[in-house]
Protein backbone atom coordinates (compact mmCIF):
# COMPACT_ATOMS: atom_id res chain seq x y z
CA MET A 1 -26.22 2.40 14.11
CA ARG A 2 -23.66 1.88 11.52
CA THR A 3 -21.89 -1.50 11.77
CA PHE A 4 -18.18 -2.14 11.26
CA GLU A 5 -15.67 -4.87 11.66
CA TYR A 6 -12.95 -4.62 14.18
CA ASP A 7 -9.73 -6.51 14.19
CA ALA A 8 -6.35 -6.12 15.87
CA ALA A 9 -3.09 -5.94 13.72
CA THR A 10 -0.48 -8.28 14.78
CA ALA A 11 2.50 -6.50 13.00
CA VAL A 12 3.00 -3.29 11.10
CA ASP A 13 3.23 -5.11 7.79
CA ASP A 14 -0.02 -6.93 8.71
CA ALA A 15 -1.80 -3.59 9.32
CA VAL A 16 -0.37 -2.14 6.02
CA ALA A 17 -1.57 -5.18 4.17
CA ARG A 18 -5.09 -5.00 5.63
CA LEU A 19 -5.24 -1.27 4.54
CA ALA A 20 -4.18 -2.12 1.09
CA GLY A 21 -6.73 -4.82 0.87
CA ASP A 22 -9.72 -2.77 2.11
CA GLU A 23 -10.30 0.76 0.70
CA ASN A 24 -12.89 1.47 3.51
CA ALA A 25 -10.60 0.45 6.41
CA LYS A 26 -9.04 2.86 8.95
CA LEU A 27 -6.40 2.45 11.61
CA LEU A 28 -7.56 2.82 15.19
CA GLY A 29 -5.05 4.07 17.78
CA GLY A 30 -6.48 5.98 20.71
CA GLY A 31 -9.65 6.81 18.70
CA THR A 32 -9.98 10.33 20.28
CA ASN A 33 -10.75 12.02 16.96
CA LEU A 34 -11.79 9.17 14.65
CA VAL A 35 -14.50 7.71 16.91
CA ASP A 36 -16.02 11.22 17.29
CA LEU A 37 -16.04 11.59 13.58
CA MET A 38 -17.82 8.19 13.28
CA LYS A 39 -20.40 9.26 15.85
CA LEU A 40 -21.22 12.36 13.80
CA GLY A 41 -21.40 10.57 10.55
CA VAL A 42 -18.56 12.46 9.00
CA THR A 43 -16.53 9.22 8.30
CA SER A 44 -17.99 5.65 8.05
CA PRO A 45 -15.24 2.99 7.87
CA THR A 46 -16.31 -0.57 7.22
CA THR A 47 -13.35 -1.86 9.18
CA LEU A 48 -11.20 -0.54 12.11
CA ILE A 49 -7.65 -2.03 12.39
CA ASP A 50 -6.51 -1.65 15.97
CA VAL A 51 -2.83 -0.81 16.04
CA THR A 52 -2.33 -0.17 19.73
CA ARG A 53 -0.76 -3.50 20.35
CA LEU A 54 2.02 -2.94 17.81
CA PRO A 55 5.58 -2.51 19.10
CA LEU A 56 5.47 1.32 18.47
CA HIS A 57 5.54 2.61 22.16
CA ASP A 58 9.17 3.41 22.50
CA ILE A 59 10.98 6.85 22.73
CA ASP A 60 14.67 6.35 21.83
CA VAL A 61 17.62 8.64 21.82
CA SER A 62 19.99 7.96 18.93
CA ASP A 63 23.86 8.11 19.15
CA ASP A 64 23.77 11.44 17.33
CA GLY A 65 21.36 12.88 19.91
CA SER A 66 18.26 12.86 17.81
CA LEU A 67 14.95 11.43 19.10
CA ARG A 68 12.72 8.69 17.57
CA ILE A 69 9.18 8.59 18.81
CA GLY A 70 7.07 5.61 18.21
CA ALA A 71 3.63 6.21 16.66
CA GLY A 72 1.94 4.44 19.56
CA VAL A 73 3.46 6.65 22.38
CA THR A 74 0.63 8.52 24.05
CA ASN A 75 0.68 12.31 24.26
CA SER A 76 0.81 12.11 28.04
CA ASP A 77 3.95 9.97 27.97
CA LEU A 78 5.58 12.01 25.41
CA ALA A 79 4.87 15.26 27.05
CA VAL A 80 6.54 14.28 30.44
CA HIS A 81 9.56 12.27 28.99
CA PRO A 82 12.73 13.86 30.56
CA VAL A 83 14.59 14.21 27.21
CA VAL A 84 11.47 15.98 25.65
CA ARG A 85 11.10 18.35 28.58
CA GLN A 86 14.85 19.13 28.61
CA ARG A 87 15.65 19.41 24.88
CA TYR A 88 12.31 20.04 23.27
CA PRO A 89 10.13 22.19 25.71
CA VAL A 90 8.24 23.48 22.62
CA LEU A 91 6.95 20.01 22.14
CA SER A 92 6.13 19.23 25.75
CA ARG A 93 4.21 22.46 26.15
CA ALA A 94 2.31 22.05 22.94
CA LEU A 95 1.12 18.57 24.02
CA LEU A 96 0.16 19.75 27.51
CA SER A 97 -1.85 22.58 26.05
CA GLY A 98 -3.98 20.30 23.96
CA ALA A 99 -7.28 18.51 25.11
CA SER A 100 -7.58 17.12 28.66
CA GLY A 101 -5.43 14.79 30.70
CA GLN A 102 -7.86 11.92 30.06
CA LEU A 103 -7.63 12.44 26.25
CA ARG A 104 -3.89 12.81 26.31
CA ASN A 105 -3.67 9.52 28.12
CA MET A 106 -5.51 7.92 25.08
CA ALA A 107 -4.32 9.89 22.11
CA THR A 108 -1.30 8.64 20.25
CA THR A 109 1.53 10.40 18.62
CA GLY A 110 0.72 8.92 15.22
CA GLY A 111 -3.02 9.65 15.57
CA ASN A 112 -2.27 13.26 16.57
CA LEU A 113 -0.76 13.94 13.22
CA PHE A 114 -3.95 12.89 11.42
CA GLN A 115 -6.45 15.05 13.37
CA ARG A 116 -9.12 16.63 11.10
CA THR A 117 -10.22 20.21 11.13
CA ARG A 118 -12.90 21.33 13.57
CA CYS A 119 -14.59 23.66 10.99
CA VAL A 120 -18.16 23.49 11.94
CA TYR A 121 -19.26 22.71 8.41
CA PHE A 122 -16.83 19.77 8.21
CA MET A 123 -18.22 18.52 11.38
CA ASP A 124 -21.92 18.76 10.49
CA SER A 125 -22.63 16.17 7.90
CA SER A 126 -26.04 17.89 7.09
CA LYS A 127 -23.92 20.80 5.55
CA PRO A 128 -22.02 21.05 2.37
CA CYS A 129 -18.13 20.93 2.76
CA ASN A 130 -15.58 20.49 0.16
CA LYS A 131 -13.28 18.71 2.61
CA ARG A 132 -15.97 16.20 3.46
CA GLU A 133 -17.63 15.92 0.05
CA PRO A 134 -15.58 17.45 -2.78
CA GLY A 135 -17.46 19.67 -5.00
CA SER A 136 -20.27 20.40 -2.58
CA GLY A 137 -18.99 23.91 -1.67
CA CYS A 138 -17.43 25.93 1.16
CA PRO A 139 -20.11 27.75 3.14
CA ALA A 140 -17.52 28.85 5.64
CA ARG A 141 -16.31 31.53 3.33
CA THR A 142 -19.44 33.58 3.79
CA GLY A 143 -20.61 31.94 7.01
CA GLU A 144 -18.81 31.09 10.22
CA HIS A 145 -15.10 31.52 9.70
CA ARG A 146 -13.79 33.39 12.72
CA ASN A 147 -11.39 30.71 13.59
CA LEU A 148 -10.34 29.69 10.15
CA ALA A 149 -7.48 30.23 7.82
CA ILE A 150 -5.76 33.50 6.79
CA LEU A 151 -2.77 31.87 5.03
CA GLY A 152 -2.60 29.37 2.35
CA ALA A 153 -6.33 28.83 1.81
CA SER A 154 -8.10 28.35 -1.50
CA PRO A 155 -11.58 29.12 -2.87
CA SER A 156 -12.35 25.46 -2.09
CA CYS A 157 -11.42 25.48 1.62
CA ILE A 158 -10.31 27.80 4.46
CA ALA A 159 -10.14 25.13 7.19
CA THR A 160 -7.36 25.06 9.70
CA HIS A 161 -5.33 22.20 11.15
CA PRO A 162 -6.15 21.60 14.77
CA SER A 163 -3.04 19.81 16.17
CA ASP A 164 -0.86 21.63 18.74
CA MET A 165 1.73 18.90 18.52
CA ALA A 166 2.14 19.29 14.73
CA VAL A 167 3.08 22.96 15.11
CA ALA A 168 5.74 22.10 17.53
CA LEU A 169 7.04 19.35 15.26
CA SER A 170 7.10 21.73 12.35
CA ALA A 171 9.29 24.11 14.36
CA LEU A 172 11.65 21.23 15.21
CA ASP A 173 12.09 20.04 11.58
CA ALA A 174 10.61 16.61 12.39
CA ARG A 175 10.59 13.85 10.00
CA ILE A 176 7.74 11.31 9.70
CA VAL A 177 8.53 7.61 9.10
CA VAL A 178 5.88 6.11 6.84
CA ARG A 179 5.45 2.46 6.08
CA GLY A 180 3.62 1.09 2.93
CA VAL A 181 3.25 -2.14 0.98
CA ASP A 182 6.42 -0.97 -1.00
CA GLY A 183 8.52 -0.35 2.22
CA GLU A 184 9.44 2.61 4.40
CA ARG A 185 10.04 6.13 3.39
CA ILE A 186 10.88 9.31 5.33
CA VAL A 187 8.87 12.54 4.87
CA GLU A 188 9.94 16.02 6.06
CA ILE A 189 7.01 17.44 7.98
CA ASP A 190 6.67 20.39 5.66
CA ASP A 191 5.97 17.77 2.98
CA PHE A 192 3.72 15.58 5.09
CA TYR A 193 0.95 18.17 5.24
CA ARG A 194 -0.50 19.88 2.29
CA LEU A 195 -2.47 23.07 1.50
CA PRO A 196 -6.03 22.62 0.28
CA GLY A 197 -5.73 23.87 -3.35
CA ASP A 198 -8.59 22.17 -5.36
CA ALA A 199 -8.33 19.01 -3.29
CA PRO A 200 -9.13 20.02 0.25
CA ASP A 201 -10.34 16.52 1.25
CA ARG A 202 -6.62 15.52 1.30
CA ASP A 203 -4.99 16.75 4.53
CA ASN A 204 -1.63 15.15 3.97
CA THR A 205 0.55 13.16 1.53
CA VAL A 206 0.17 9.83 3.15
CA ALA A 207 -1.42 7.21 0.77
CA ARG A 208 -4.52 5.34 1.90
CA ASP A 209 -2.52 2.18 2.26
CA GLU A 210 0.30 3.62 4.36
CA MET A 211 0.69 4.16 8.10
CA VAL A 212 3.11 6.27 10.22
CA THR A 213 5.32 4.23 12.44
CA ALA A 214 7.51 6.92 14.02
CA ILE A 215 8.61 10.54 14.20
CA ASP A 216 12.38 11.62 14.10
CA ILE A 217 13.39 14.89 15.65
CA PRO A 218 17.04 16.20 15.20
CA LYS A 219 19.03 17.27 18.17
CA PRO A 220 18.77 21.06 18.62
CA ALA A 221 21.90 23.14 18.30
CA ASP A 222 23.65 24.08 21.50
CA GLY A 223 22.26 27.27 23.05
CA THR A 224 18.84 26.88 21.37
CA VAL A 225 15.75 27.65 23.47
CA SER A 226 12.19 26.96 22.50
CA THR A 227 8.71 27.30 23.55
CA TYR A 228 4.93 27.05 22.51
CA ARG A 229 2.18 29.63 23.12
CA LYS A 230 -1.35 29.37 22.32
CA VAL A 231 -4.29 31.77 22.22
CA ARG A 232 -7.71 30.18 22.76
CA ASP A 233 -11.17 31.29 23.70
CA ARG A 234 -10.88 29.48 27.17
CA GLN A 235 -8.08 28.53 29.48
CA SER A 236 -8.36 24.77 28.78
CA TYR A 237 -9.59 22.15 26.35
CA ALA A 238 -9.92 24.60 23.46
CA PHE A 239 -8.39 24.56 19.94
CA ALA A 240 -6.06 27.39 18.99
CA ILE A 241 -7.33 30.66 17.62
CA ALA A 242 -3.57 31.23 16.86
CA SER A 243 -0.48 29.59 18.27
CA VAL A 244 3.29 29.60 17.75
CA GLY A 245 6.08 27.11 18.28
CA ALA A 246 9.46 28.80 18.13
CA SER A 247 13.12 27.97 18.67
CA LEU A 248 15.75 30.75 18.98
CA ASP A 249 19.49 30.84 19.19
CA VAL A 250 20.92 34.32 20.18
CA GLU A 251 24.46 35.21 20.69
CA ASP A 252 25.63 38.78 21.60
CA GLY A 253 22.19 40.13 20.87
CA ILE A 254 22.10 38.73 17.21
CA VAL A 255 19.84 35.97 15.94
CA ARG A 256 21.99 33.04 14.90
CA GLY A 257 19.23 30.50 14.45
CA VAL A 258 15.41 30.67 14.47
CA SER A 259 12.40 28.55 13.55
CA ILE A 260 8.85 29.79 13.76
CA ALA A 261 5.73 27.61 13.18
CA LEU A 262 2.18 28.98 13.35
CA GLY A 263 -1.06 27.18 14.31
CA GLY A 264 -4.55 28.08 13.84
CA VAL A 265 -3.92 30.10 10.69
CA ALA A 266 -3.75 27.57 7.80
CA HIS A 267 -4.68 24.11 6.51
CA LYS A 268 -1.27 22.86 7.85
CA PRO A 269 1.25 24.00 10.41
CA TRP A 270 2.48 27.16 8.82
CA ARG A 271 6.35 27.50 8.89
CA ALA A 272 7.08 31.18 8.70
CA ARG A 273 10.14 30.89 6.33
CA THR A 274 9.97 34.60 5.30
CA ALA A 275 10.18 35.66 8.94
CA GLU A 276 12.92 33.27 9.63
CA HIS A 277 15.04 34.44 6.71
CA THR A 278 14.40 38.02 7.67
CA LEU A 279 15.63 37.42 11.30
CA LEU A 280 18.94 35.57 10.62
CA GLY A 281 21.74 37.99 11.38
CA ALA A 282 19.34 40.66 12.66
CA ALA A 283 19.15 42.17 16.16
CA ALA A 284 17.24 40.09 18.62
CA ASP A 285 14.77 42.69 19.74
CA GLU A 286 11.06 43.34 19.53
CA ALA A 287 11.32 45.77 16.52
CA SER A 288 13.11 43.12 14.43
CA PHE A 289 10.59 40.50 15.53
CA ARG A 290 7.58 42.61 14.61
CA GLN A 291 9.06 43.58 11.20
CA ALA A 292 9.84 39.96 10.38
CA ILE A 293 6.37 38.60 11.23
CA ALA A 294 4.72 41.61 9.48
CA LEU A 295 6.51 40.42 6.29
CA GLU A 296 5.41 36.94 6.81
CA LEU A 297 1.72 38.13 7.25
CA ASP A 298 1.88 40.15 3.95
CA ALA A 299 0.67 36.92 2.26
CA ALA A 300 -2.41 36.75 4.59
CA GLU A 301 -5.92 36.91 2.88
CA PRO A 302 -8.32 37.22 5.84
CA LEU A 303 -12.08 37.23 5.34
CA ARG A 304 -14.81 39.29 6.99
CA ASP A 305 -14.49 37.92 10.60
CA ASN A 306 -10.92 36.77 10.98
CA ALA A 307 -8.76 39.78 10.07
CA PHE A 308 -8.22 40.14 13.87
CA LYS A 309 -5.77 37.25 13.58
CA ILE A 310 -3.10 39.49 11.80
CA PRO A 311 -2.46 41.62 14.77
CA LEU A 312 -3.13 38.81 17.16
CA VAL A 313 -0.32 36.67 15.48
CA THR A 314 2.01 39.66 15.28
CA ASN A 315 1.80 40.24 19.01
CA LEU A 316 1.92 36.61 19.85
CA VAL A 317 5.07 35.95 17.87
CA ALA A 318 6.86 39.10 18.94
CA ARG A 319 6.13 38.51 22.71
CA THR A 320 7.20 34.81 22.43
CA LEU A 321 10.52 35.61 20.70
CA VAL A 322 11.26 38.46 23.22
CA GLU A 323 10.63 35.85 25.97
CA LEU A 324 12.93 33.37 24.39
CA THR A 325 15.57 36.17 23.86
CA ASP A 326 15.56 37.00 27.53
CA SER A 327 15.97 33.34 28.55
CA GLY A 328 18.61 32.32 26.14
CA ASP A 329 20.83 35.25 24.94
CA ARG A 330 24.51 34.36 25.28
CA SER A 331 26.06 37.77 25.74
């Protein structure tokens, strides 16, 4: 049994101050990932700061139509919110495809952003892992890597980010509101997460003494349709082998706007900028979609057992965009 202290924060600034004053403290929201990692010995905080009582449970629509989601909102509440279901189906579907109903009732929006990889070597504290213990090695490169990264990996780490929600947020150009001892800052989601490089133990750009308080999502352009699709080994309660969050605006058979974010393929949600740039102004048909994602995947560097992800992702993206075209083409 590893002992730790537990305390409940009374205000956001109180939680931030406690983080700043204790380098071994961690924030506790729903605990659906953190507590598991503590049980496995992957992480051993000396103090848990409960933030579930902070006033971070609201979902607000701004005057400009954008959405602000409090970090304490549960995944269940966010998934079924009427504005989310109507304007951001990609987000609702991503949330509902993750975990189980019981876990979604506990998991918080802020905590979901900080999920750690499910790479088997990271989760097993008896094995070396650069993400868990920098410099110890990455046995996944020659070992079990079927479900690991094909894009943006490094010799130090080929782990993938597990969050479905984060993929949808990437497709929606979300911005993360972060509070620290020096005040508040806004971080674009592409800048929130980082690739492993030679520091794979750092999943994101949030400092140890900062906390996420909210997520902002802009209002989608009129005519935009979106969805989330996920490939996994079983129908429920499984992490993505590959996934896509996409939004599309088609008029008279031509792509006027598009965003594509991939999950299960990189250390972070992978925004397919090359594919998006290729598709703008192109015909909204399967041939164009396949050509665009093929150009994106030219950068892929699969290993022995995960090269199958290239045709899998190609088919997944093409079929998803065809589905969106059929539902949203304004001809």
